[in-house]
Amino acid sequence: VILSYLTGPISQDIKKYHHALIQKELSEPSEALDLVLQKAIC
């Protein structure tokens, strides 16, 4: 599990945008969070 995140398909350049976006969404939840929960996190 840990190695899959360290070596996975998301490039280092994209990671910062990927994680920054969800952090902003978590701090100001919208219906996008429902999409993320349903289709990604769950």
PDB file of all heavy atoms in Angstrom:
ATOM      1  N   VAL A   1       0.844  -1.203   0.000  1.00  0.00           N
ATOM      2  CA  VAL A   1       0.000   0.000   0.000  1.00  0.00           C
ATOM      3  C   VAL A   1       0.874   1.246   0.000  1.00  0.00           C
ATOM      4  O   VAL A   1       0.677   2.181  -0.789  1.00  0.00           O
ATOM      5  CB  VAL A   1      -0.953   0.016   1.212  1.00  0.00           C
ATOM      6  CG1 VAL A   1      -1.666   1.370   1.303  1.00  0.00           C
ATOM      7  CG2 VAL A   1      -1.987  -1.101   1.098  1.00  0.00           C
ATOM      8  N   ILE A   2       1.870   1.265   0.879  1.00  0.00           N
ATOM      9  CA  ILE A   2       2.754   2.430   0.980  1.00  0.00           C
ATOM     10  C   ILE A   2       3.567   2.608  -0.295  1.00  0.00           C
ATOM     11  O   ILE A   2       3.671   3.713  -0.837  1.00  0.00           O
ATOM     12  CB  ILE A   2       3.671   2.291   2.210  1.00  0.00           C
ATOM     13  CG1 ILE A   2       2.823   2.326   3.486  1.00  0.00           C
ATOM     14  CG2 ILE A   2       4.710   3.409   2.243  1.00  0.00           C
ATOM     15  CD1 ILE A   2       3.537   1.887   4.732  1.00  0.00           C
ATOM     16  N   LEU A   3       4.126   1.508  -0.805  1.00  0.00           N
ATOM     17  CA  LEU A   3       4.914   1.588  -2.029  1.00  0.00           C
ATOM     18  C   LEU A   3       4.074   2.041  -3.229  1.00  0.00           C
ATOM     19  O   LEU A   3       4.570   2.731  -4.122  1.00  0.00           O
ATOM     20  CB  LEU A   3       5.553   0.230  -2.340  1.00  0.00           C
ATOM     21  CG  LEU A   3       6.888  -0.077  -1.669  1.00  0.00           C
ATOM     22  CD1 LEU A   3       7.332  -1.490  -1.994  1.00  0.00           C
ATOM     23  CD2 LEU A   3       7.954   0.936  -2.083  1.00  0.00           C
ATOM     24  N   SER A   4       2.812   1.655  -3.236  1.00  0.00           N
ATOM     25  CA  SER A   4       1.955   2.035  -4.361  1.00  0.00           C
ATOM     26  C   SER A   4       1.775   3.543  -4.441  1.00  0.00           C
ATOM     27  O   SER A   4       1.617   4.105  -5.531  1.00  0.00           O
ATOM     28  CB  SER A   4       0.587   1.348  -4.255  1.00  0.00           C
ATOM     29  OG  SER A   4      -0.205   1.919  -3.238  1.00  0.00           O
ATOM     30  N   TYR A   5       1.801   4.217  -3.282  1.00  0.00           N
ATOM     31  CA  TYR A   5       1.708   5.677  -3.282  1.00  0.00           C
ATOM     32  C   TYR A   5       3.054   6.320  -3.599  1.00  0.00           C
ATOM     33  O   TYR A   5       3.129   7.350  -4.263  1.00  0.00           O
ATOM     34  CB  TYR A   5       1.186   6.179  -1.935  1.00  0.00           C
ATOM     35  CG  TYR A   5      -0.310   6.078  -1.795  1.00  0.00           C
ATOM     36  CD1 TYR A   5      -0.909   4.948  -1.246  1.00  0.00           C
ATOM     37  CD2 TYR A   5      -1.138   7.119  -2.213  1.00  0.00           C
ATOM     38  CE1 TYR A   5      -2.289   4.847  -1.132  1.00  0.00           C
ATOM     39  CE2 TYR A   5      -2.524   7.029  -2.102  1.00  0.00           C
ATOM     40  CZ  TYR A   5      -3.090   5.892  -1.558  1.00  0.00           C
ATOM     41  OH  TYR A   5      -4.457   5.799  -1.453  1.00  0.00           O
ATOM     42  N   LEU A   6       4.137   5.708  -3.107  1.00  0.00           N
ATOM     43  CA  LEU A   6       5.467   6.266  -3.348  1.00  0.00           C
ATOM     44  C   LEU A   6       5.908   6.112  -4.798  1.00  0.00           C
ATOM     45  O   LEU A   6       6.609   6.964  -5.341  1.00  0.00           O
ATOM     46  CB  LEU A   6       6.496   5.587  -2.432  1.00  0.00           C
ATOM     47  CG  LEU A   6       6.390   5.884  -0.930  1.00  0.00           C
ATOM     48  CD1 LEU A   6       7.413   5.066  -0.165  1.00  0.00           C
ATOM     49  CD2 LEU A   6       6.589   7.369  -0.652  1.00  0.00           C
ATOM     50  N   THR A   7       5.501   5.013  -5.433  1.00  0.00           N
ATOM     51  CA  THR A   7       5.984   4.714  -6.787  1.00  0.00           C
ATOM     52  C   THR A   7       4.859   4.695  -7.824  1.00  0.00           C
ATOM     53  O   THR A   7       5.081   4.281  -8.949  1.00  0.00           O
ATOM     54  CB  THR A   7       6.676   3.334  -6.811  1.00  0.00           C
ATOM     55  OG1 THR A   7       5.695   2.301  -6.549  1.00  0.00           O
ATOM     56  CG2 THR A   7       7.769   3.246  -5.770  1.00  0.00           C
ATOM     57  N   GLY A   8       3.676   5.125  -7.433  1.00  0.00           N
ATOM     58  CA  GLY A   8       2.482   4.963  -8.262  1.00  0.00           C
ATOM     59  C   GLY A   8       2.411   5.833  -9.496  1.00  0.00           C
ATOM     60  O   GLY A   8       3.370   6.523  -9.855  1.00  0.00           O
ATOM     61  N   PRO A   9       1.261   5.831 -10.151  1.00  0.00           N
ATOM     62  CA  PRO A   9       1.094   6.479 -11.461  1.00  0.00           C
ATOM     63  C   PRO A   9       1.009   8.002 -11.428  1.00  0.00           C
ATOM     64  O   PRO A   9       1.037   8.636 -12.477  1.00  0.00           O
ATOM     65  CB  PRO A   9      -0.224   5.878 -11.965  1.00  0.00           C
ATOM     66  CG  PRO A   9      -0.981   5.553 -10.720  1.00  0.00           C
ATOM     67  CD  PRO A   9       0.054   5.108  -9.728  1.00  0.00           C
ATOM     68  N   ILE A  10       0.880   8.595 -10.239  1.00  0.00           N
ATOM     69  CA  ILE A  10       0.799  10.057 -10.157  1.00  0.00           C
ATOM     70  C   ILE A  10       2.212  10.624 -10.073  1.00  0.00           C
ATOM     71  O   ILE A  10       2.944  10.347  -9.116  1.00  0.00           O
ATOM     72  CB  ILE A  10      -0.025  10.517  -8.941  1.00  0.00           C
ATOM     73  CG1 ILE A  10      -1.430   9.899  -8.984  1.00  0.00           C
ATOM     74  CG2 ILE A  10      -0.128  12.038  -8.915  1.00  0.00           C
ATOM     75  CD1 ILE A  10      -2.283  10.245  -7.788  1.00  0.00           C
ATOM     76  N   SER A  11       2.613  11.412 -11.048  1.00  0.00           N
ATOM     77  CA  SER A  11       3.972  11.945 -11.090  1.00  0.00           C
ATOM     78  C   SER A  11       4.201  12.964  -9.980  1.00  0.00           C
ATOM     79  O   SER A  11       3.253  13.544  -9.436  1.00  0.00           O
ATOM     80  CB  SER A  11       4.245  12.601 -12.444  1.00  0.00           C
ATOM     81  OG  SER A  11       3.492  13.795 -12.565  1.00  0.00           O
ATOM     82  N   GLN A  12       5.476  13.176  -9.665  1.00  0.00           N
ATOM     83  CA  GLN A  12       5.834  14.118  -8.605  1.00  0.00           C
ATOM     84  C   GLN A  12       5.334  15.517  -8.914  1.00  0.00           C
ATOM     85  O   GLN A  12       4.904  16.253  -8.031  1.00  0.00           O
ATOM     86  CB  GLN A  12       7.360  14.122  -8.421  1.00  0.00           C
ATOM     87  CG  GLN A  12       7.842  14.713  -7.109  1.00  0.00           C
ATOM     88  CD  GLN A  12       7.415  13.900  -5.892  1.00  0.00           C
ATOM     89  OE1 GLN A  12       7.398  12.679  -5.933  1.00  0.00           O
ATOM     90  NE2 GLN A  12       7.059  14.575  -4.819  1.00  0.00           N
ATOM     91  N   ASP A  13       5.364  15.909 -10.192  1.00  0.00           N
ATOM     92  CA  ASP A  13       4.924  17.254 -10.582  1.00  0.00           C
ATOM     93  C   ASP A  13       3.418  17.444 -10.367  1.00  0.00           C
ATOM     94  O   ASP A  13       2.965  18.533 -10.011  1.00  0.00           O
ATOM     95  CB  ASP A  13       5.246  17.501 -12.059  1.00  0.00           C
ATOM     96  CG  ASP A  13       6.741  17.619 -12.305  1.00  0.00           C
ATOM     97  OD1 ASP A  13       7.466  17.928 -11.345  1.00  0.00           O
ATOM     98  OD2 ASP A  13       7.174  17.404 -13.446  1.00  0.00           O
ATOM     99  N   ILE A  14       2.654  16.381 -10.585  1.00  0.00           N
ATOM    100  CA  ILE A  14       1.199  16.461 -10.472  1.00  0.00           C
ATOM    101  C   ILE A  14       0.746  16.342  -9.022  1.00  0.00           C
ATOM    102  O   ILE A  14      -0.309  16.878  -8.646  1.00  0.00           O
ATOM    103  CB  ILE A  14       0.536  15.356 -11.320  1.00  0.00           C
ATOM    104  CG1 ILE A  14       0.868  15.551 -12.805  1.00  0.00           C
ATOM    105  CG2 ILE A  14      -0.974  15.332 -11.127  1.00  0.00           C
ATOM    106  CD1 ILE A  14       0.339  16.825 -13.398  1.00  0.00           C
ATOM    107  N   LYS A  15       1.513  15.660  -8.194  1.00  0.00           N
ATOM    108  CA  LYS A  15       1.095  15.390  -6.812  1.00  0.00           C
ATOM    109  C   LYS A  15       0.683  16.656  -6.062  1.00  0.00           C
ATOM    110  O   LYS A  15      -0.322  16.664  -5.348  1.00  0.00           O
ATOM    111  CB  LYS A  15       2.216  14.694  -6.046  1.00  0.00           C
ATOM    112  CG  LYS A  15       2.394  13.232  -6.372  1.00  0.00           C
ATOM    113  CD  LYS A  15       3.574  12.646  -5.613  1.00  0.00           C
ATOM    114  CE  LYS A  15       3.831  11.209  -6.011  1.00  0.00           C
ATOM    115  NZ  LYS A  15       5.007  10.643  -5.325  1.00  0.00           N
ATOM    116  N   LYS A  16       1.471  17.722  -6.218  1.00  0.00           N
ATOM    117  CA  LYS A  16       1.184  18.926  -5.429  1.00  0.00           C
ATOM    118  C   LYS A  16      -0.169  19.529  -5.798  1.00  0.00           C
ATOM    119  O   LYS A  16      -0.889  20.032  -4.931  1.00  0.00           O
ATOM    120  CB  LYS A  16       2.295  19.952  -5.585  1.00  0.00           C
ATOM    121  CG  LYS A  16       2.620  20.349  -7.002  1.00  0.00           C
ATOM    122  CD  LYS A  16       3.829  21.280  -7.024  1.00  0.00           C
ATOM    123  CE  LYS A  16       4.237  21.617  -8.450  1.00  0.00           C
ATOM    124  NZ  LYS A  16       5.439  22.487  -8.472  1.00  0.00           N
ATOM    125  N   TYR A  17      -0.523  19.478  -7.088  1.00  0.00           N
ATOM    126  CA  TYR A  17      -1.833  19.991  -7.492  1.00  0.00           C
ATOM    127  C   TYR A  17      -2.949  19.051  -7.049  1.00  0.00           C
ATOM    128  O   TYR A  17      -4.009  19.492  -6.619  1.00  0.00           O
ATOM    129  CB  TYR A  17      -1.880  20.158  -9.015  1.00  0.00           C
ATOM    130  CG  TYR A  17      -0.767  21.009  -9.572  1.00  0.00           C
ATOM    131  CD1 TYR A  17       0.072  20.514 -10.572  1.00  0.00           C
ATOM    132  CD2 TYR A  17      -0.542  22.296  -9.106  1.00  0.00           C
ATOM    133  CE1 TYR A  17       1.104  21.293 -11.091  1.00  0.00           C
ATOM    134  CE2 TYR A  17       0.486  23.080  -9.615  1.00  0.00           C
ATOM    135  CZ  TYR A  17       1.304  22.570 -10.601  1.00  0.00           C
ATOM    136  OH  TYR A  17       2.311  23.337 -11.097  1.00  0.00           O
ATOM    137  N   HIS A  18      -2.677  17.764  -7.181  1.00  0.00           N
ATOM    138  CA  HIS A  18      -3.653  16.736  -6.812  1.00  0.00           C
ATOM    139  C   HIS A  18      -4.038  16.866  -5.341  1.00  0.00           C
ATOM    140  O   HIS A  18      -5.223  16.869  -4.988  1.00  0.00           O
ATOM    141  CB  HIS A  18      -3.035  15.364  -7.090  1.00  0.00           C
ATOM    142  CG  HIS A  18      -3.963  14.215  -6.864  1.00  0.00           C
ATOM    143  ND1 HIS A  18      -4.927  13.837  -7.772  1.00  0.00           N
ATOM    144  CD2 HIS A  18      -4.071  13.336  -5.823  1.00  0.00           C
ATOM    145  CE1 HIS A  18      -5.583  12.794  -7.317  1.00  0.00           C
ATOM    146  NE2 HIS A  18      -5.082  12.470  -6.143  1.00  0.00           N
ATOM    147  N   HIS A  19      -3.038  16.976  -4.472  1.00  0.00           N
ATOM    148  CA  HIS A  19      -3.308  17.032  -3.038  1.00  0.00           C
ATOM    149  C   HIS A  19      -3.788  18.415  -2.589  1.00  0.00           C
ATOM    150  O   HIS A  19      -4.608  18.523  -1.672  1.00  0.00           O
ATOM    151  CB  HIS A  19      -2.068  16.616  -2.259  1.00  0.00           C
ATOM    152  CG  HIS A  19      -1.693  15.180  -2.457  1.00  0.00           C
ATOM    153  ND1 HIS A  19      -2.539  14.146  -2.121  1.00  0.00           N
ATOM    154  CD2 HIS A  19      -0.586  14.599  -2.983  1.00  0.00           C
ATOM    155  CE1 HIS A  19      -1.965  12.992  -2.430  1.00  0.00           C
ATOM    156  NE2 HIS A  19      -0.793  13.232  -2.950  1.00  0.00           N
ATOM    157  N   ALA A  20      -3.277  19.456  -3.221  1.00  0.00           N
ATOM    158  CA  ALA A  20      -3.725  20.807  -2.861  1.00  0.00           C
ATOM    159  C   ALA A  20      -5.216  20.976  -3.136  1.00  0.00           C
ATOM    160  O   ALA A  20      -5.938  21.597  -2.346  1.00  0.00           O
ATOM    161  CB  ALA A  20      -2.925  21.853  -3.640  1.00  0.00           C
ATOM    162  N   LEU A  21      -5.668  20.413  -4.234  1.00  0.00           N
ATOM    163  CA  LEU A  21      -7.080  20.549  -4.607  1.00  0.00           C
ATOM    164  C   LEU A  21      -7.999  19.899  -3.584  1.00  0.00           C
ATOM    165  O   LEU A  21      -8.989  20.499  -3.149  1.00  0.00           O
ATOM    166  CB  LEU A  21      -7.308  19.934  -5.993  1.00  0.00           C
ATOM    167  CG  LEU A  21      -8.723  20.061  -6.551  1.00  0.00           C
ATOM    168  CD1 LEU A  21      -9.074  21.525  -6.804  1.00  0.00           C
ATOM    169  CD2 LEU A  21      -8.868  19.260  -7.847  1.00  0.00           C
ATOM    170  N   ILE A  22      -7.676  18.674  -3.168  1.00  0.00           N
ATOM    171  CA  ILE A  22      -8.554  17.993  -2.214  1.00  0.00           C
ATOM    172  C   ILE A  22      -8.479  18.641  -0.834  1.00  0.00           C
ATOM    173  O   ILE A  22      -9.470  18.672  -0.102  1.00  0.00           O
ATOM    174  CB  ILE A  22      -8.222  16.475  -2.138  1.00  0.00           C
ATOM    175  CG1 ILE A  22      -9.323  15.726  -1.391  1.00  0.00           C
ATOM    176  CG2 ILE A  22      -6.880  16.245  -1.484  1.00  0.00           C
ATOM    177  CD1 ILE A  22     -10.685  15.789  -2.027  1.00  0.00           C
ATOM    178  N   GLN A  23      -7.328  19.200  -0.486  1.00  0.00           N
ATOM    179  CA  GLN A  23      -7.221  19.900   0.794  1.00  0.00           C
ATOM    180  C   GLN A  23      -8.120  21.132   0.829  1.00  0.00           C
ATOM    181  O   GLN A  23      -8.777  21.413   1.836  1.00  0.00           O
ATOM    182  CB  GLN A  23      -5.762  20.284   1.062  1.00  0.00           C
ATOM    183  CG  GLN A  23      -4.886  19.097   1.433  1.00  0.00           C
ATOM    184  CD  GLN A  23      -3.412  19.429   1.472  1.00  0.00           C
ATOM    185  OE1 GLN A  23      -3.000  20.546   1.134  1.00  0.00           O
ATOM    186  NE2 GLN A  23      -2.597  18.477   1.865  1.00  0.00           N
ATOM    187  N   LYS A  24      -8.160  21.852  -0.290  1.00  0.00           N
ATOM    188  CA  LYS A  24      -9.047  23.011  -0.374  1.00  0.00           C
ATOM    189  C   LYS A  24     -10.508  22.572  -0.309  1.00  0.00           C
ATOM    190  O   LYS A  24     -11.329  23.207   0.357  1.00  0.00           O
ATOM    191  CB  LYS A  24      -8.803  23.766  -1.686  1.00  0.00           C
ATOM    192  CG  LYS A  24      -7.577  24.659  -1.674  1.00  0.00           C
ATOM    193  CD  LYS A  24      -7.750  25.834  -0.733  1.00  0.00           C
ATOM    194  CE  LYS A  24      -6.568  26.772  -0.826  1.00  0.00           C
ATOM    195  NZ  LYS A  24      -6.686  27.898   0.150  1.00  0.00           N
ATOM    196  N   GLU A  25     -10.828  21.488  -0.981  1.00  0.00           N
ATOM    197  CA  GLU A  25     -12.206  20.998  -0.984  1.00  0.00           C
ATOM    198  C   GLU A  25     -12.617  20.539   0.398  1.00  0.00           C
ATOM    199  O   GLU A  25     -13.751  20.770   0.837  1.00  0.00           O
ATOM    200  CB  GLU A  25     -12.360  19.862  -1.997  1.00  0.00           C
ATOM    201  CG  GLU A  25     -13.733  19.194  -1.994  1.00  0.00           C
ATOM    202  CD  GLU A  25     -14.882  20.146  -2.309  1.00  0.00           C
ATOM    203  OE1 GLU A  25     -14.665  21.178  -2.978  1.00  0.00           O
ATOM    204  OE2 GLU A  25     -16.016  19.844  -1.875  1.00  0.00           O
ATOM    205  N   LEU A  26     -11.718  19.900   1.127  1.00  0.00           N
ATOM    206  CA  LEU A  26     -12.034  19.446   2.483  1.00  0.00           C
ATOM    207  C   LEU A  26     -12.233  20.621   3.437  1.00  0.00           C
ATOM    208  O   LEU A  26     -13.035  20.539   4.368  1.00  0.00           O
ATOM    209  CB  LEU A  26     -10.911  18.542   3.001  1.00  0.00           C
ATOM    210  CG  LEU A  26     -10.827  17.149   2.363  1.00  0.00           C
ATOM    211  CD1 LEU A  26      -9.536  16.451   2.779  1.00  0.00           C
ATOM    212  CD2 LEU A  26     -12.034  16.302   2.728  1.00  0.00           C
ATOM    213  N   SER A  27     -11.526  21.713   3.205  1.00  0.00           N
ATOM    214  CA  SER A  27     -11.667  22.891   4.074  1.00  0.00           C
ATOM    215  C   SER A  27     -12.921  23.690   3.737  1.00  0.00           C
ATOM    216  O   SER A  27     -13.457  24.391   4.584  1.00  0.00           O
ATOM    217  CB  SER A  27     -10.427  23.787   3.964  1.00  0.00           C
ATOM    218  OG  SER A  27     -10.322  24.346   2.669  1.00  0.00           O
ATOM    219  N   GLU A  28     -13.373  23.585   2.486  1.00  0.00           N
ATOM    220  CA  GLU A  28     -14.588  24.273   2.046  1.00  0.00           C
ATOM    221  C   GLU A  28     -15.445  23.294   1.250  1.00  0.00           C
ATOM    222  O   GLU A  28     -15.542  23.376   0.026  1.00  0.00           O
ATOM    223  CB  GLU A  28     -14.235  25.494   1.188  1.00  0.00           C
ATOM    224  CG  GLU A  28     -13.342  26.509   1.878  1.00  0.00           C
ATOM    225  CD  GLU A  28     -12.881  27.614   0.945  1.00  0.00           C
ATOM    226  OE1 GLU A  28     -13.362  27.657  -0.217  1.00  0.00           O
ATOM    227  OE2 GLU A  28     -12.055  28.429   1.362  1.00  0.00           O
ATOM    228  N   PRO A  29     -16.095  22.342   1.925  1.00  0.00           N
ATOM    229  CA  PRO A  29     -16.782  21.244   1.220  1.00  0.00           C
ATOM    230  C   PRO A  29     -17.896  21.728   0.291  1.00  0.00           C
ATOM    231  O   PRO A  29     -18.634  22.658   0.608  1.00  0.00           O
ATOM    232  CB  PRO A  29     -17.367  20.406   2.374  1.00  0.00           C
ATOM    233  CG  PRO A  29     -16.573  20.782   3.579  1.00  0.00           C
ATOM    234  CD  PRO A  29     -16.200  22.226   3.387  1.00  0.00           C
ATOM    235  N   SER A  30     -17.977  21.073  -0.848  1.00  0.00           N
ATOM    236  CA  SER A  30     -19.042  21.327  -1.815  1.00  0.00           C
ATOM    237  C   SER A  30     -19.534  19.971  -2.311  1.00  0.00           C
ATOM    238  O   SER A  30     -19.134  18.925  -1.799  1.00  0.00           O
ATOM    239  CB  SER A  30     -18.509  22.167  -2.977  1.00  0.00           C
ATOM    240  OG  SER A  30     -17.647  21.387  -3.793  1.00  0.00           O
ATOM    241  N   GLU A  31     -20.367  19.981  -3.342  1.00  0.00           N
ATOM    242  CA  GLU A  31     -20.848  18.711  -3.872  1.00  0.00           C
ATOM    243  C   GLU A  31     -19.735  17.916  -4.548  1.00  0.00           C
ATOM    244  O   GLU A  31     -19.882  16.716  -4.798  1.00  0.00           O
ATOM    245  CB  GLU A  31     -21.998  18.941  -4.849  1.00  0.00           C
ATOM    246  CG  GLU A  31     -21.664  19.782  -6.060  1.00  0.00           C
ATOM    247  CD  GLU A  31     -22.907  20.154  -6.853  1.00  0.00           C
ATOM    248  OE1 GLU A  31     -23.292  19.381  -7.751  1.00  0.00           O
ATOM    249  OE2 GLU A  31     -23.501  21.220  -6.549  1.00  0.00           O
ATOM    250  N   ALA A  32     -18.604  18.569  -4.807  1.00  0.00           N
ATOM    251  CA  ALA A  32     -17.459  17.845  -5.354  1.00  0.00           C
ATOM    252  C   ALA A  32     -16.968  16.784  -4.370  1.00  0.00           C
ATOM    253  O   ALA A  32     -16.497  15.721  -4.779  1.00  0.00           O
ATOM    254  CB  ALA A  32     -16.317  18.807  -5.688  1.00  0.00           C
ATOM    255  N   LEU A  33     -17.096  17.066  -3.084  1.00  0.00           N
ATOM    256  CA  LEU A  33     -16.655  16.108  -2.077  1.00  0.00           C
ATOM    257  C   LEU A  33     -17.487  14.832  -2.135  1.00  0.00           C
ATOM    258  O   LEU A  33     -16.958  13.729  -1.932  1.00  0.00           O
ATOM    259  CB  LEU A  33     -16.748  16.731  -0.675  1.00  0.00           C
ATOM    260  CG  LEU A  33     -16.195  15.881   0.476  1.00  0.00           C
ATOM    261  CD1 LEU A  33     -14.739  15.505   0.233  1.00  0.00           C
ATOM    262  CD2 LEU A  33     -16.339  16.616   1.800  1.00  0.00           C
ATOM    263  N   ASP A  34     -18.772  14.973  -2.426  1.00  0.00           N
ATOM    264  CA  ASP A  34     -19.626  13.793  -2.580  1.00  0.00           C
ATOM    265  C   ASP A  34     -19.137  12.924  -3.738  1.00  0.00           C
ATOM    266  O   ASP A  34     -19.143  11.692  -3.648  1.00  0.00           O
ATOM    267  CB  ASP A  34     -21.078  14.215  -2.820  1.00  0.00           C
ATOM    268  CG  ASP A  34     -21.687  14.915  -1.617  1.00  0.00           C
ATOM    269  OD1 ASP A  34     -21.272  14.604  -0.482  1.00  0.00           O
ATOM    270  OD2 ASP A  34     -22.578  15.760  -1.808  1.00  0.00           O
ATOM    271  N   LEU A  35     -18.718  13.571  -4.827  1.00  0.00           N
ATOM    272  CA  LEU A  35     -18.178  12.837  -5.973  1.00  0.00           C
ATOM    273  C   LEU A  35     -16.911  12.079  -5.581  1.00  0.00           C
ATOM    274  O   LEU A  35     -16.732  10.913  -5.925  1.00  0.00           O
ATOM    275  CB  LEU A  35     -17.840  13.803  -7.106  1.00  0.00           C
ATOM    276  CG  LEU A  35     -18.944  14.248  -8.052  1.00  0.00           C
ATOM    277  CD1 LEU A  35     -18.401  15.277  -9.036  1.00  0.00           C
ATOM    278  CD2 LEU A  35     -19.533  13.064  -8.798  1.00  0.00           C
ATOM    279  N   VAL A  36     -16.041  12.766  -4.860  1.00  0.00           N
ATOM    280  CA  VAL A  36     -14.771  12.164  -4.446  1.00  0.00           C
ATOM    281  C   VAL A  36     -15.014  10.979  -3.524  1.00  0.00           C
ATOM    282  O   VAL A  36     -14.388   9.918  -3.670  1.00  0.00           O
ATOM    283  CB  VAL A  36     -13.877  13.215  -3.757  1.00  0.00           C
ATOM    284  CG1 VAL A  36     -12.667  12.560  -3.103  1.00  0.00           C
ATOM    285  CG2 VAL A  36     -13.419  14.259  -4.765  1.00  0.00           C
ATOM    286  N   LEU A  37     -15.917  11.151  -2.573  1.00  0.00           N
ATOM    287  CA  LEU A  37     -16.219  10.058  -1.643  1.00  0.00           C
ATOM    288  C   LEU A  37     -16.799   8.858  -2.380  1.00  0.00           C
ATOM    289  O   LEU A  37     -16.382   7.709  -2.163  1.00  0.00           O
ATOM    290  CB  LEU A  37     -17.194  10.544  -0.570  1.00  0.00           C
ATOM    291  CG  LEU A  37     -16.624  11.499   0.481  1.00  0.00           C
ATOM    292  CD1 LEU A  37     -17.752  12.073   1.336  1.00  0.00           C
ATOM    293  CD2 LEU A  37     -15.602  10.795   1.356  1.00  0.00           C
ATOM    294  N   GLN A  38     -17.750   9.123  -3.254  1.00  0.00           N
ATOM    295  CA  GLN A  38     -18.453   8.045  -3.954  1.00  0.00           C
ATOM    296  C   GLN A  38     -17.562   7.310  -4.947  1.00  0.00           C
ATOM    297  O   GLN A  38     -17.578   6.079  -5.028  1.00  0.00           O
ATOM    298  CB  GLN A  38     -19.676   8.627  -4.675  1.00  0.00           C
ATOM    299  CG  GLN A  38     -20.446   7.592  -5.484  1.00  0.00           C
ATOM    300  CD  GLN A  38     -21.553   8.230  -6.314  1.00  0.00           C
ATOM    301  OE1 GLN A  38     -21.819   9.417  -6.218  1.00  0.00           O
ATOM    302  NE2 GLN A  38     -22.193   7.431  -7.129  1.00  0.00           N
ATOM    303  N   LYS A  39     -16.753   8.068  -5.696  1.00  0.00           N
ATOM    304  CA  LYS A  39     -16.034   7.466  -6.816  1.00  0.00           C
ATOM    305  C   LYS A  39     -14.557   7.198  -6.564  1.00  0.00           C
ATOM    306  O   LYS A  39     -13.914   6.503  -7.366  1.00  0.00           O
ATOM    307  CB  LYS A  39     -16.178   8.361  -8.049  1.00  0.00           C
ATOM    308  CG  LYS A  39     -17.613   8.501  -8.533  1.00  0.00           C
ATOM    309  CD  LYS A  39     -17.676   9.236  -9.862  1.00  0.00           C
ATOM    310  CE  LYS A  39     -19.104   9.298 -10.394  1.00  0.00           C
ATOM    311  NZ  LYS A  39     -19.173   9.931 -11.731  1.00  0.00           N
ATOM    312  N   ALA A  40     -14.009   7.739  -5.477  1.00  0.00           N
ATOM    313  CA  ALA A  40     -12.574   7.561  -5.240  1.00  0.00           C
ATOM    314  C   ALA A  40     -12.263   7.014  -3.853  1.00  0.00           C
ATOM    315  O   ALA A  40     -11.667   5.949  -3.715  1.00  0.00           O
ATOM    316  CB  ALA A  40     -11.843   8.894  -5.457  1.00  0.00           C
ATOM    317  N   ILE A  41     -12.658   7.741  -2.816  1.00  0.00           N
ATOM    318  CA  ILE A  41     -12.264   7.366  -1.457  1.00  0.00           C
ATOM    319  C   ILE A  41     -12.940   6.078  -1.003  1.00  0.00           C
ATOM    320  O   ILE A  41     -12.279   5.154  -0.513  1.00  0.00           O
ATOM    321  CB  ILE A  41     -12.554   8.517  -0.471  1.00  0.00           C
ATOM    322  CG1 ILE A  41     -11.669   9.725  -0.828  1.00  0.00           C
ATOM    323  CG2 ILE A  41     -12.285   8.067   0.968  1.00  0.00           C
ATOM    324  CD1 ILE A  41     -11.914  10.944   0.022  1.00  0.00           C
ATOM    325  N   CYS A  42     -14.253   6.001  -1.173  1.00  0.00           N
ATOM    326  CA  CYS A  42     -14.976   4.797  -0.726  1.00  0.00           C
ATOM    327  C   CYS A  42     -14.536   3.530  -1.472  1.00  0.00           C
ATOM    328  O   CYS A  42     -14.352   2.488  -0.837  1.00  0.00           O
ATOM    329  CB  CYS A  42     -16.485   5.006  -0.834  1.00  0.00           C
ATOM    330  SG  CYS A  42     -17.140   6.112   0.434  1.00  0.00           S
TER     331      CYS A  42
END
